[in-house]
């Protein structure tokens, strides 16, 4: 790096908080779209003549294209200029949001969501890098707390806003609302965001097309397999086998290529840093748990408890409030308390809340769900801020810019895999519980005889001779409901285990220097 342009000495012209508001508008808008469509999936499916399972592509297609672009953000912003690439990303996101709202078929909507993911992919790492560079090291905890408001609170508030819009207007407006927010962000970014000198002095000159191709093919095929595997009976389908084989070869080739290429599109050498490597693993697990619960809870409330879209979204509000309060607390607390201790409390709280959710039944009171969701959201703040600070504590400031893309790539891959895997597991486990429960419906089961006799007597005056057959249908319907309930309980229990399994990984972190995370150690 040329003398006279030390990244640690550079300061933005405008107030860091004006810069923060400018970039967080776009970040909040983008992250909101990862979950705002969750409660609207049944409405989208009905409107576009698709099944609910097919409509989940609306979520995962966005996350996949988003994840691919996330990893390329460092190169793209270096080649085109950070401010210019940020403006392009926000502009494409606004345009694709309008296309989503105007879609007349599911393929059109999926195509628009892919474009939206491409536009939104760069917003998170760009925003995070700009914040980390605009604030001095001792203020980065507060900056990451502000950033965490968008990253953690937005996907939690998404179902509330999406449910209200869907019930009162139409699902198309969950995409149209991005337009005014995005335009406001564009104007503020033009006024307050600037490129640091060292970004201009280290412009990328070549394109790592091979690395990008290997990565896009591997991640894309992996997501297709996760989304369609359950429907295609997994490895019982030849195309699943071939897709997995090509995905594995592509991803292995990508890792080898990026580690040996002089100017890789993703700097995997950063994983030599122990803190950063540990953090990327943990953020992937956190993404799976965060988005897995965000996807499962609205479906559970609508399909099992009969909530309308808005009420299902509204029931998620305590989770958002918990995250909001914890972000305010942790941003200040991290100056005085060991970050690893805060993360222990966070992962422990998330695991405990998921375990409470795994104990639910159809008679559960709303207050019990509210308590568990508030604890879940409150604990997220105790994970996100400490984990982000620990991950960059031993990196140089220039490396932070490269690291944010890889860090967010792993979070989005974890989220995408988490959604697909938890839905597939829930479906498969429901079938297993159904088989187990059906085995108990034998002619020698006295409880079944009593239930059938009572129902037949009650229905005989209404349907006459068909009372016995209708009673059997009712009993079988109850069985299916119980099988589905048990599968939801198992899914939440699995998410609890994933959260608690992250606790031992915290021992691998080096403690940040006193006075805040100081990026002093190079891994180049």
Protein backbone atom coordinates (compact mmCIF):
# COMPACT_ATOMS: atom_id res chain seq x y z
CA UNK A 1 0.00 0.00 0.00
CA UNK A 2 1.43 3.42 -0.91
CA UNK A 3 2.65 5.57 1.91
CA UNK A 4 0.39 8.35 3.02
CA UNK A 5 -2.82 6.41 2.59
CA UNK A 6 -3.02 4.23 5.67
CA UNK A 7 -6.53 2.73 6.06
CA UNK A 8 -6.35 3.16 9.83
CA UNK A 9 -5.82 6.94 9.39
CA UNK A 10 -8.62 7.52 6.89
CA UNK A 11 -11.86 9.08 8.15
CA UNK A 12 -15.07 9.82 6.21
CA UNK A 13 -15.88 13.43 5.38
CA UNK A 14 -19.37 13.21 6.89
CA UNK A 15 -20.51 11.94 10.27
CA UNK A 16 -20.21 8.13 10.54
CA UNK A 17 -23.81 8.01 11.72
CA UNK A 18 -25.03 9.72 8.54
CA UNK A 19 -23.07 7.13 6.59
CA UNK A 20 -24.64 4.40 8.75
CA UNK A 21 -28.20 5.55 8.08
CA UNK A 22 -27.45 5.80 4.35
CA UNK A 23 -26.25 2.22 3.99
CA UNK A 24 -28.59 0.68 6.57
CA UNK A 25 -31.69 1.81 4.66
CA UNK A 26 -30.62 -0.37 1.75
CA UNK A 27 -29.48 -3.22 4.01
CA UNK A 28 -32.73 -3.28 5.96
CA UNK A 29 -34.74 -3.30 2.72
CA UNK A 30 -32.69 -6.17 1.31
CA UNK A 31 -32.70 -8.37 4.42
CA UNK A 32 -36.42 -7.73 4.93
CA UNK A 33 -37.07 -9.44 1.60
CA UNK A 34 -35.49 -12.67 2.81
CA UNK A 35 -38.47 -13.28 5.11
CA UNK A 36 -41.31 -10.92 4.20
CA UNK A 37 -42.72 -13.45 1.71
CA UNK A 38 -42.84 -16.29 4.28
CA UNK A 39 -46.39 -15.76 5.51
CA UNK A 40 -47.59 -14.89 2.00
CA UNK A 41 -46.52 -18.21 0.44
CA UNK A 42 -50.01 -19.79 0.54
CA UNK A 43 -51.46 -16.64 -1.07
CA UNK A 44 -48.71 -16.50 -3.71
CA UNK A 45 -49.19 -20.19 -4.49
CA UNK A 46 -52.96 -19.79 -4.87
CA UNK A 47 -52.65 -16.64 -6.97
CA UNK A 48 -50.10 -18.17 -9.37
CA UNK A 49 -51.63 -21.70 -9.52
CA UNK A 50 -48.76 -23.41 -7.70
CA UNK A 51 -48.39 -25.60 -4.61
CA UNK A 52 -46.97 -24.24 -1.35
CA UNK A 53 -43.89 -26.46 -1.76
CA UNK A 54 -43.28 -25.00 -5.23
CA UNK A 55 -43.76 -21.50 -3.84
CA UNK A 56 -40.81 -21.99 -1.46
CA UNK A 57 -38.63 -21.34 -4.51
CA UNK A 58 -39.65 -17.70 -3.98
CA UNK A 59 -37.51 -17.79 -0.81
CA UNK A 60 -34.63 -20.02 -1.81
CA UNK A 61 -34.08 -18.66 -5.36
CA UNK A 62 -33.49 -15.26 -3.78
CA UNK A 63 -31.07 -16.63 -1.18
CA UNK A 64 -29.04 -18.62 -3.73
CA UNK A 65 -28.49 -15.76 -6.19
CA UNK A 66 -27.87 -13.50 -3.20
CA UNK A 67 -25.22 -15.87 -1.83
CA UNK A 68 -23.38 -16.16 -5.17
CA UNK A 69 -23.10 -12.39 -5.54
CA UNK A 70 -22.15 -11.97 -1.87
CA UNK A 71 -18.85 -13.71 -2.43
CA UNK A 72 -18.08 -11.61 -5.53
CA UNK A 73 -18.74 -8.27 -3.86
CA UNK A 74 -15.09 -7.59 -3.00
CA UNK A 75 -13.96 -7.90 -6.61
CA UNK A 76 -17.00 -6.11 -8.12
CA UNK A 77 -16.68 -3.10 -5.83
CA UNK A 78 -12.92 -2.99 -6.40
CA UNK A 79 -13.36 -3.08 -10.18
CA UNK A 80 -16.24 -0.64 -10.52
CA UNK A 81 -15.73 1.41 -7.35
CA UNK A 82 -17.57 0.79 -4.09
CA UNK A 83 -19.95 3.73 -4.30
CA UNK A 84 -20.80 3.06 -7.94
CA UNK A 85 -21.40 -0.64 -7.31
CA UNK A 86 -23.55 0.17 -4.28
CA UNK A 87 -25.72 2.47 -6.41
CA UNK A 88 -26.02 -0.21 -9.12
CA UNK A 89 -27.05 -2.85 -6.56
CA UNK A 90 -29.73 -0.65 -5.00
CA UNK A 91 -31.03 0.34 -8.44
CA UNK A 92 -31.28 -3.28 -9.63
CA UNK A 93 -32.99 -4.23 -6.38
CA UNK A 94 -35.62 -1.52 -6.87
CA UNK A 95 -36.25 -2.56 -10.50
CA UNK A 96 -36.49 -6.27 -9.71
CA UNK A 97 -38.85 -5.55 -6.78
CA UNK A 98 -41.21 -3.88 -9.24
CA UNK A 99 -40.93 -6.94 -11.54
CA UNK A 100 -41.75 -9.24 -8.59
CA UNK A 101 -44.92 -7.28 -7.90
CA UNK A 102 -45.97 -7.45 -11.56
CA UNK A 103 -45.27 -11.21 -12.03
CA UNK A 104 -48.16 -13.18 -13.56
CA UNK A 105 -46.73 -16.69 -13.12
CA UNK A 106 -44.45 -18.52 -10.71
CA UNK A 107 -41.53 -18.76 -13.22
CA UNK A 108 -41.75 -14.99 -13.76
CA UNK A 109 -41.70 -14.38 -10.02
CA UNK A 110 -38.74 -16.74 -9.50
CA UNK A 111 -36.80 -15.01 -12.31
CA UNK A 112 -37.50 -11.61 -10.76
CA UNK A 113 -36.44 -12.91 -7.34
CA UNK A 114 -33.15 -14.15 -8.82
CA UNK A 115 -32.55 -10.64 -10.20
CA UNK A 116 -33.50 -9.23 -6.81
CA UNK A 117 -30.96 -11.52 -5.13
CA UNK A 118 -28.26 -10.37 -7.58
CA UNK A 119 -29.05 -6.75 -6.77
CA UNK A 120 -29.25 -7.37 -3.04
CA UNK A 121 -26.22 -9.65 -2.77
CA UNK A 122 -23.73 -6.82 -2.52
CA UNK A 123 -25.66 -4.68 -0.05
CA UNK A 124 -24.82 -6.55 3.16
CA UNK A 125 -21.02 -6.84 2.77
CA UNK A 126 -20.79 -3.34 1.30
CA UNK A 127 -22.74 -1.89 4.22
CA UNK A 128 -20.76 -3.84 6.79
CA UNK A 129 -17.39 -2.87 5.27
CA UNK A 130 -18.40 0.80 5.00
CA UNK A 131 -19.51 0.85 8.64
CA UNK A 132 -16.38 -0.89 9.93
CA UNK A 133 -14.15 1.52 8.03
CA UNK A 134 -16.14 4.66 8.85
CA UNK A 135 -16.13 4.10 12.64
CA UNK A 136 -12.97 4.07 14.78
CA UNK A 137 -12.08 0.67 16.36
CA UNK A 138 -13.40 1.59 19.81
CA UNK A 139 -16.82 2.43 18.29
CA UNK A 140 -17.19 -0.69 16.14
CA UNK A 141 -19.29 -2.50 18.73
CA UNK A 142 -21.93 0.23 18.47
CA UNK A 143 -21.64 0.22 14.67
CA UNK A 144 -22.18 -3.53 14.53
CA UNK A 145 -25.15 -3.21 16.88
CA UNK A 146 -26.70 -0.72 14.44
CA UNK A 147 -25.89 -3.04 11.54
CA UNK A 148 -27.37 -5.93 13.50
CA UNK A 149 -30.66 -4.05 13.75
CA UNK A 150 -31.06 -4.56 10.02
CA UNK A 151 -29.58 -8.05 9.76
CA UNK A 152 -31.38 -9.66 12.71
CA UNK A 153 -34.50 -7.54 13.23
CA UNK A 154 -35.49 -7.21 9.55
CA UNK A 155 -36.07 -10.94 8.88
CA UNK A 156 -38.04 -11.14 12.12
CA UNK A 157 -40.24 -8.12 11.34
CA UNK A 158 -40.70 -9.37 7.77
CA UNK A 159 -43.51 -11.84 8.57
CA UNK A 160 -45.42 -9.18 10.55
CA UNK A 161 -45.33 -6.66 7.75
CA UNK A 162 -45.85 -9.31 5.09
CA UNK A 163 -48.89 -10.75 6.88
CA UNK A 164 -50.50 -7.34 7.36
CA UNK A 165 -49.96 -6.34 3.72
CA UNK A 166 -51.18 -9.72 2.43
CA UNK A 167 -54.37 -9.70 4.49
CA UNK A 168 -55.25 -6.05 3.90
CA UNK A 169 -54.02 -5.47 0.34
CA UNK A 170 -52.30 -8.09 -1.83
CA UNK A 171 -49.05 -10.02 -1.68
CA UNK A 172 -47.69 -7.89 -4.57
CA UNK A 173 -47.27 -4.91 -2.23
CA UNK A 174 -44.71 -6.79 -0.14
CA UNK A 175 -42.39 -6.11 -3.08
CA UNK A 176 -43.65 -2.68 -4.11
CA UNK A 177 -42.80 -1.16 -0.70
CA UNK A 178 -39.10 -1.58 -1.53
CA UNK A 179 -39.30 1.17 -4.15
CA UNK A 180 -39.62 4.27 -1.88
CA UNK A 181 -37.17 2.85 0.69
CA UNK A 182 -34.61 2.10 -1.99
CA UNK A 183 -34.93 5.54 -3.57
CA UNK A 184 -34.39 7.21 -0.18
CA UNK A 185 -31.27 5.09 0.34
CA UNK A 186 -29.93 5.99 -3.12
CA UNK A 187 -30.24 9.71 -2.43
CA UNK A 188 -28.52 9.51 0.97
CA UNK A 189 -25.70 7.32 -0.38
CA UNK A 190 -25.03 9.83 -3.16
CA UNK A 191 -24.73 12.59 -0.54
CA UNK A 192 -22.78 10.90 2.28
CA UNK A 193 -20.95 7.73 1.09
CA UNK A 194 -17.46 7.95 -0.42
CA UNK A 195 -14.71 5.57 -1.55
CA UNK A 196 -11.59 5.47 0.67
CA UNK A 197 -8.31 6.27 -1.15
CA UNK A 198 -6.95 2.73 -0.89
CA UNK A 199 -10.01 1.36 -2.74
CA UNK A 200 -9.20 3.58 -5.71
CA UNK A 201 -5.49 2.70 -5.57
CA UNK A 202 -6.06 -1.08 -5.59
CA UNK A 203 -8.52 -1.46 -8.44
CA UNK A 204 -9.00 -5.04 -9.67
CA UNK A 205 -7.83 -5.56 -13.25
CA UNK A 206 -8.75 -9.17 -14.02
CA UNK A 207 -11.89 -11.27 -13.69
CA UNK A 208 -11.78 -14.67 -12.00
CA UNK A 209 -14.39 -16.21 -14.29
CA UNK A 210 -13.36 -19.79 -13.48
CA UNK A 211 -13.74 -19.31 -9.75
CA UNK A 212 -17.07 -17.55 -10.18
CA UNK A 213 -18.33 -20.33 -12.49
CA UNK A 214 -17.33 -23.16 -10.15
CA UNK A 215 -18.95 -21.39 -7.19
CA UNK A 216 -22.22 -20.48 -8.95
CA UNK A 217 -22.65 -23.99 -10.40
CA UNK A 218 -21.87 -25.75 -7.11
CA UNK A 219 -24.05 -23.58 -4.87
CA UNK A 220 -26.90 -23.44 -7.41
CA UNK A 221 -27.07 -27.23 -7.90
CA UNK A 222 -26.79 -27.83 -4.16
CA UNK A 223 -29.81 -25.61 -3.57
CA UNK A 224 -31.84 -27.30 -6.33
CA UNK A 225 -31.14 -30.67 -4.74
CA UNK A 226 -32.18 -29.44 -1.30
CA UNK A 227 -35.39 -27.88 -2.65
CA UNK A 228 -36.49 -30.76 -4.90
CA UNK A 229 -34.89 -33.75 -3.16
CA UNK A 230 -37.86 -34.60 -0.96
CA UNK A 231 -40.25 -34.41 -3.90
CA UNK A 232 -37.95 -36.58 -6.08
CA UNK A 233 -37.25 -39.17 -3.33
CA UNK A 234 -33.67 -37.97 -2.97
CA UNK A 235 -31.09 -40.42 -4.33
CA UNK A 236 -33.84 -42.57 -5.79
CA UNK A 237 -33.80 -40.12 -8.72
CA UNK A 238 -30.87 -40.27 -11.16
CA UNK A 239 -30.85 -36.52 -11.71
CA UNK A 240 -30.37 -35.97 -7.96
CA UNK A 241 -27.32 -38.26 -7.98
CA UNK A 242 -25.79 -36.46 -10.96
CA UNK A 243 -26.59 -33.04 -9.53
CA UNK A 244 -24.92 -33.87 -6.21
CA UNK A 245 -21.87 -35.27 -8.01
CA UNK A 246 -21.49 -32.16 -10.18
CA UNK A 247 -22.07 -29.88 -7.18
CA UNK A 248 -19.38 -31.61 -5.11
CA UNK A 249 -16.86 -31.57 -7.97
CA UNK A 250 -17.63 -27.89 -8.66
CA UNK A 251 -17.25 -26.82 -5.03
CA UNK A 252 -14.02 -28.79 -4.53
CA UNK A 253 -12.66 -27.30 -7.78
CA UNK A 254 -13.70 -23.86 -6.57
CA UNK A 255 -11.80 -24.23 -3.29
CA UNK A 256 -8.65 -25.50 -5.04
CA UNK A 257 -8.82 -22.77 -7.70
CA UNK A 258 -9.35 -19.94 -5.22
CA UNK A 259 -6.48 -21.09 -3.02
CA UNK A 260 -4.04 -21.26 -5.95
CA UNK A 261 -5.19 -18.31 -8.08
CA UNK A 262 -3.28 -15.03 -7.75
CA UNK A 263 -6.40 -12.82 -7.74
CA UNK A 264 -9.31 -15.03 -6.56
CA UNK A 265 -12.86 -13.74 -6.59
CA UNK A 266 -13.17 -15.03 -2.99
CA UNK A 267 -10.08 -14.81 -0.79
CA UNK A 268 -10.27 -18.17 0.99
CA UNK A 269 -6.79 -17.57 2.38
CA UNK A 270 -8.47 -15.41 5.01
CA UNK A 271 -9.62 -18.66 6.61
CA UNK A 272 -6.03 -19.12 7.83
CA UNK A 273 -7.01 -16.66 10.54
CA UNK A 274 -8.40 -18.74 13.39
CA UNK A 275 -10.93 -16.17 14.58
CA UNK A 276 -12.34 -15.57 11.13
CA UNK A 277 -12.49 -19.28 10.22
CA UNK A 278 -14.34 -20.11 13.45
CA UNK A 279 -16.73 -17.20 12.96
CA UNK A 280 -17.67 -18.25 9.41
CA UNK A 281 -18.64 -21.73 10.63
CA UNK A 282 -20.69 -20.32 13.47
CA UNK A 283 -22.44 -17.69 11.33
CA UNK A 284 -23.53 -20.45 8.95
CA UNK A 285 -25.12 -22.32 11.87
CA UNK A 286 -26.70 -19.10 13.11
CA UNK A 287 -28.14 -18.42 9.63
CA UNK A 288 -29.67 -21.90 9.55
CA UNK A 289 -31.28 -21.47 12.98
CA UNK A 290 -32.45 -17.89 12.42
CA UNK A 291 -34.03 -18.46 9.02
CA UNK A 292 -35.14 -22.00 9.81
CA UNK A 293 -37.24 -20.82 12.74
CA UNK A 294 -38.45 -17.78 10.79
CA UNK A 295 -39.69 -20.08 8.00
CA UNK A 296 -41.18 -22.77 10.26
CA UNK A 297 -43.09 -20.71 12.81
CA UNK A 298 -45.51 -18.93 10.41
CA UNK A 299 -46.23 -22.25 8.66
CA UNK A 300 -46.88 -23.92 12.01
CA UNK A 301 -49.21 -21.14 13.14
CA UNK A 302 -51.17 -21.06 9.88
CA UNK A 303 -51.42 -24.79 9.14
CA UNK A 304 -51.63 -26.18 12.68
CA UNK A 305 -53.23 -23.42 14.74
CA UNK A 306 -55.42 -21.80 12.08
CA UNK A 307 -53.93 -18.30 12.29
CA UNK A 308 -54.52 -15.93 9.34
CA UNK A 309 -51.43 -14.43 7.68
CA UNK A 310 -51.38 -11.22 9.71
CA UNK A 311 -51.97 -12.94 13.05
CA UNK A 312 -49.16 -15.41 12.28
CA UNK A 313 -46.85 -12.51 11.48
CA UNK A 314 -48.02 -10.51 14.50
CA UNK A 315 -47.32 -13.47 16.77
CA UNK A 316 -43.67 -13.18 15.69
CA UNK A 317 -43.40 -9.60 16.96
CA UNK A 318 -41.99 -10.49 20.43
CA UNK A 319 -39.00 -12.00 18.65
CA UNK A 320 -38.32 -8.73 16.85
CA UNK A 321 -38.71 -6.73 20.06
CA UNK A 322 -36.30 -9.04 21.85
CA UNK A 323 -33.68 -8.51 19.13
CA UNK A 324 -34.21 -4.75 19.19
CA UNK A 325 -33.62 -4.47 22.94
CA UNK A 326 -30.64 -6.82 22.96
CA UNK A 327 -28.91 -4.90 20.15
CA UNK A 328 -29.20 -1.70 22.17
CA UNK A 329 -27.72 -3.41 25.22
CA UNK A 330 -24.97 -5.46 23.61
CA UNK A 331 -23.58 -2.56 21.58
CA UNK A 332 -22.56 -0.87 24.85
CA UNK A 333 -21.97 -4.00 26.92
CA UNK A 334 -19.33 -5.39 24.58
CA UNK A 335 -16.89 -2.62 25.63
CA UNK A 336 -16.71 -4.06 29.14
CA UNK A 337 -17.65 -7.76 28.87
CA UNK A 338 -15.68 -10.52 27.17
CA UNK A 339 -17.35 -11.11 23.73
CA UNK A 340 -17.10 -14.89 24.09
CA UNK A 341 -19.08 -14.75 27.33
CA UNK A 342 -21.82 -12.76 25.63
CA UNK A 343 -21.90 -15.31 22.80
CA UNK A 344 -22.25 -18.14 25.33
CA UNK A 345 -25.35 -16.44 26.74
CA UNK A 346 -26.66 -15.92 23.20
CA UNK A 347 -26.29 -19.47 21.89
CA UNK A 348 -27.53 -20.87 25.19
CA UNK A 349 -30.63 -18.65 25.05
CA UNK A 350 -31.40 -19.54 21.43
CA UNK A 351 -31.02 -23.24 22.21
CA UNK A 352 -33.29 -22.96 25.26
CA UNK A 353 -35.97 -21.03 23.33
CA UNK A 354 -35.98 -23.59 20.49
CA UNK A 355 -36.28 -26.37 23.07
CA UNK A 356 -39.31 -24.64 24.61
CA UNK A 357 -40.87 -24.38 21.12
CA UNK A 358 -40.27 -28.12 20.66
CA UNK A 359 -42.57 -28.76 23.66
CA UNK A 360 -45.58 -27.01 22.12
CA UNK A 361 -48.90 -28.69 21.40
CA UNK A 362 -52.14 -27.53 19.77
CA UNK A 363 -53.49 -26.34 23.13
CA UNK A 364 -50.50 -24.09 23.83
CA UNK A 365 -51.33 -20.63 25.13
CA UNK A 366 -50.24 -17.56 23.17
CA UNK A 367 -48.28 -16.33 26.20
CA UNK A 368 -46.07 -19.43 26.12
CA UNK A 369 -45.17 -18.82 22.46
CA UNK A 370 -44.58 -15.12 23.19
CA UNK A 371 -42.09 -15.86 25.99
CA UNK A 372 -40.12 -18.34 23.88
CA UNK A 373 -40.00 -15.99 20.89
CA UNK A 374 -38.87 -13.01 22.97
CA UNK A 375 -36.05 -15.10 24.48
CA UNK A 376 -35.11 -16.31 20.99
CA UNK A 377 -34.89 -12.77 19.59
CA UNK A 378 -33.17 -11.34 22.67
CA UNK A 379 -30.50 -14.06 22.49
CA UNK A 380 -29.79 -13.34 18.80
CA UNK A 381 -28.31 -9.95 19.67
CA UNK A 382 -25.92 -11.61 22.13
CA UNK A 383 -24.64 -13.75 19.27
CA UNK A 384 -24.54 -11.42 16.30
CA UNK A 385 -22.57 -8.46 17.71
CA UNK A 386 -19.88 -10.44 19.63
CA UNK A 387 -19.46 -12.89 16.74
CA UNK A 388 -18.97 -10.08 14.23
CA UNK A 389 -16.46 -8.26 16.44
CA UNK A 390 -14.51 -11.47 17.15
CA UNK A 391 -14.41 -12.46 13.48
CA UNK A 392 -12.61 -9.29 12.36
CA UNK A 393 -10.55 -8.66 15.51
CA UNK A 394 -7.30 -10.09 14.08
CA UNK A 395 -7.65 -8.91 10.46
CA UNK A 396 -6.12 -5.84 8.85
CA UNK A 397 -8.53 -3.10 7.86
CA UNK A 398 -8.04 -3.82 4.14
CA UNK A 399 -8.79 -7.50 4.79
CA UNK A 400 -12.05 -6.60 6.49
CA UNK A 401 -13.40 -5.48 3.13
CA UNK A 402 -12.57 -8.87 1.57
CA UNK A 403 -13.75 -10.79 4.63
CA UNK A 404 -17.25 -9.32 4.77
CA UNK A 405 -18.23 -10.97 1.47
CA UNK A 406 -17.09 -14.42 2.58
CA UNK A 407 -18.62 -13.96 6.05
CA UNK A 408 -22.02 -13.04 4.65
CA UNK A 409 -21.78 -15.73 1.96
CA UNK A 410 -21.56 -18.38 4.68
CA UNK A 411 -24.46 -16.82 6.57
CA UNK A 412 -26.68 -16.87 3.49
CA UNK A 413 -25.68 -20.40 2.52
CA UNK A 414 -26.49 -21.46 6.07
CA UNK A 415 -29.86 -19.69 5.81
CA UNK A 416 -30.71 -21.19 2.42
CA UNK A 417 -29.64 -24.70 3.42
CA UNK A 418 -31.41 -24.27 6.76
CA UNK A 419 -34.76 -23.38 5.16
CA UNK A 420 -34.61 -26.20 2.60
CA UNK A 421 -33.29 -28.80 5.02
CA UNK A 422 -35.72 -28.03 7.83
CA UNK A 423 -38.72 -28.13 5.45
CA UNK A 424 -37.50 -31.43 3.96
CA UNK A 425 -36.83 -32.91 7.41
CA UNK A 426 -40.24 -31.80 8.65
CA UNK A 427 -41.96 -33.48 5.69
CA UNK A 428 -39.99 -36.70 6.02
CA UNK A 429 -40.39 -36.92 9.81
CA UNK A 430 -44.14 -36.28 9.46
CA UNK A 431 -44.35 -39.35 7.19
CA UNK A 432 -42.42 -41.43 9.71
CA UNK A 433 -44.71 -40.35 12.55
CA UNK A 434 -47.73 -41.07 10.36
CA UNK A 435 -46.53 -44.63 9.73
CA UNK A 436 -45.88 -45.12 13.44
CA UNK A 437 -49.29 -43.78 14.48
CA UNK A 438 -51.17 -45.77 11.81
CA UNK A 439 -49.63 -48.94 13.24
CA UNK A 440 -51.48 -48.20 16.48
CA UNK A 441 -54.88 -48.04 14.78
CA UNK A 442 -55.63 -51.77 15.04
CA UNK A 443 -58.97 -53.55 15.55
CA UNK A 444 -57.68 -54.54 19.00
CA UNK A 445 -57.20 -50.98 20.22
CA UNK A 446 -59.96 -50.29 22.79
CA UNK A 447 -59.37 -46.51 22.72
CA UNK A 448 -59.96 -46.50 18.95
CA UNK A 449 -63.19 -48.48 19.39
CA UNK A 450 -64.48 -46.01 21.97
CA UNK A 451 -63.60 -43.01 19.81
CA UNK A 452 -65.26 -44.48 16.71
CA UNK A 453 -68.38 -45.48 18.65
CA UNK A 454 -68.73 -42.04 20.20
CA UNK A 455 -68.30 -40.25 16.88
CA UNK A 456 -70.68 -42.60 15.08
CA UNK A 457 -73.38 -42.04 17.68
CA UNK A 458 -72.93 -38.28 17.48
CA UNK A 459 -72.97 -38.20 13.66
CA UNK A 460 -75.69 -40.78 13.05
CA UNK A 461 -78.47 -38.26 13.39
CA UNK A 462 -76.79 -36.04 10.78
CA UNK A 463 -75.42 -38.38 8.10
CA UNK A 464 -77.25 -41.61 8.92
CA UNK A 465 -75.61 -44.76 7.53
CA UNK A 466 -72.46 -42.88 6.57
CA UNK A 467 -71.67 -42.07 10.20
CA UNK A 468 -69.23 -44.97 10.64
CA UNK A 469 -67.22 -44.12 7.49
CA UNK A 470 -67.14 -40.41 8.34
CA UNK A 471 -65.92 -41.23 11.85
CA UNK A 472 -62.99 -43.10 10.33
CA UNK A 473 -62.11 -40.10 8.18
CA UNK A 474 -62.18 -37.81 11.22
CA UNK A 475 -59.93 -40.13 13.22
CA UNK A 476 -57.47 -40.33 10.33
CA UNK A 477 -57.49 -36.55 10.00
CA UNK A 478 -56.61 -36.25 13.67
CA UNK A 479 -53.80 -38.75 13.14
CA UNK A 480 -52.34 -36.67 10.28
CA UNK A 481 -52.53 -33.56 12.42
CA UNK A 482 -50.72 -35.26 15.29
CA UNK A 483 -48.03 -36.59 12.92
CA UNK A 484 -47.48 -33.08 11.57
CA UNK A 485 -47.34 -31.62 15.09
CA UNK A 486 -44.73 -34.18 16.16
CA UNK A 487 -42.63 -33.35 13.10
CA UNK A 488 -42.66 -29.65 13.97
CA UNK A 489 -41.60 -30.49 17.52
CA UNK A 490 -38.73 -32.62 16.21
CA UNK A 491 -37.63 -29.81 13.86
CA UNK A 492 -37.46 -27.25 16.67
CA UNK A 493 -35.60 -29.75 18.81
CA UNK A 494 -33.02 -30.17 16.03
CA UNK A 495 -32.56 -26.38 15.82
CA UNK A 496 -31.99 -26.32 19.59
CA UNK A 497 -29.27 -28.98 19.28
CA UNK A 498 -27.57 -27.03 16.46
CA UNK A 499 -27.52 -23.88 18.61
CA UNK A 500 -26.08 -25.61 21.66
CA UNK A 501 -23.48 -27.44 19.56
CA UNK A 502 -21.93 -24.03 18.72
CA UNK A 503 -20.90 -23.42 22.35
CA UNK A 504 -17.68 -25.51 22.25
CA UNK A 505 -16.55 -23.62 19.12
CA UNK A 506 -16.26 -20.39 21.13
CA UNK A 507 -13.12 -21.81 22.78
CA UNK A 508 -11.27 -21.49 19.45
CA UNK A 509 -11.50 -17.67 19.41
CA UNK A 510 -8.55 -15.52 20.41
CA UNK A 511 -9.52 -12.78 22.80
CA UNK A 512 -9.59 -9.32 21.11
CA UNK A 513 -7.10 -6.69 22.35
CA UNK A 514 -8.30 -4.38 25.12
CA UNK A 515 -10.04 -1.20 24.03
CA UNK A 516 -11.95 -2.83 21.24
CA UNK A 517 -11.06 -5.00 18.26
CA UNK A 518 -7.82 -3.76 16.70
CA UNK A 519 -7.10 -5.16 13.24
CA UNK A 520 -3.36 -5.73 13.52
CA UNK A 521 -2.58 -9.27 12.42
CA UNK A 522 -2.13 -10.14 8.75
CA UNK A 523 -2.94 -13.53 7.29
CA UNK A 524 -1.65 -12.73 3.80
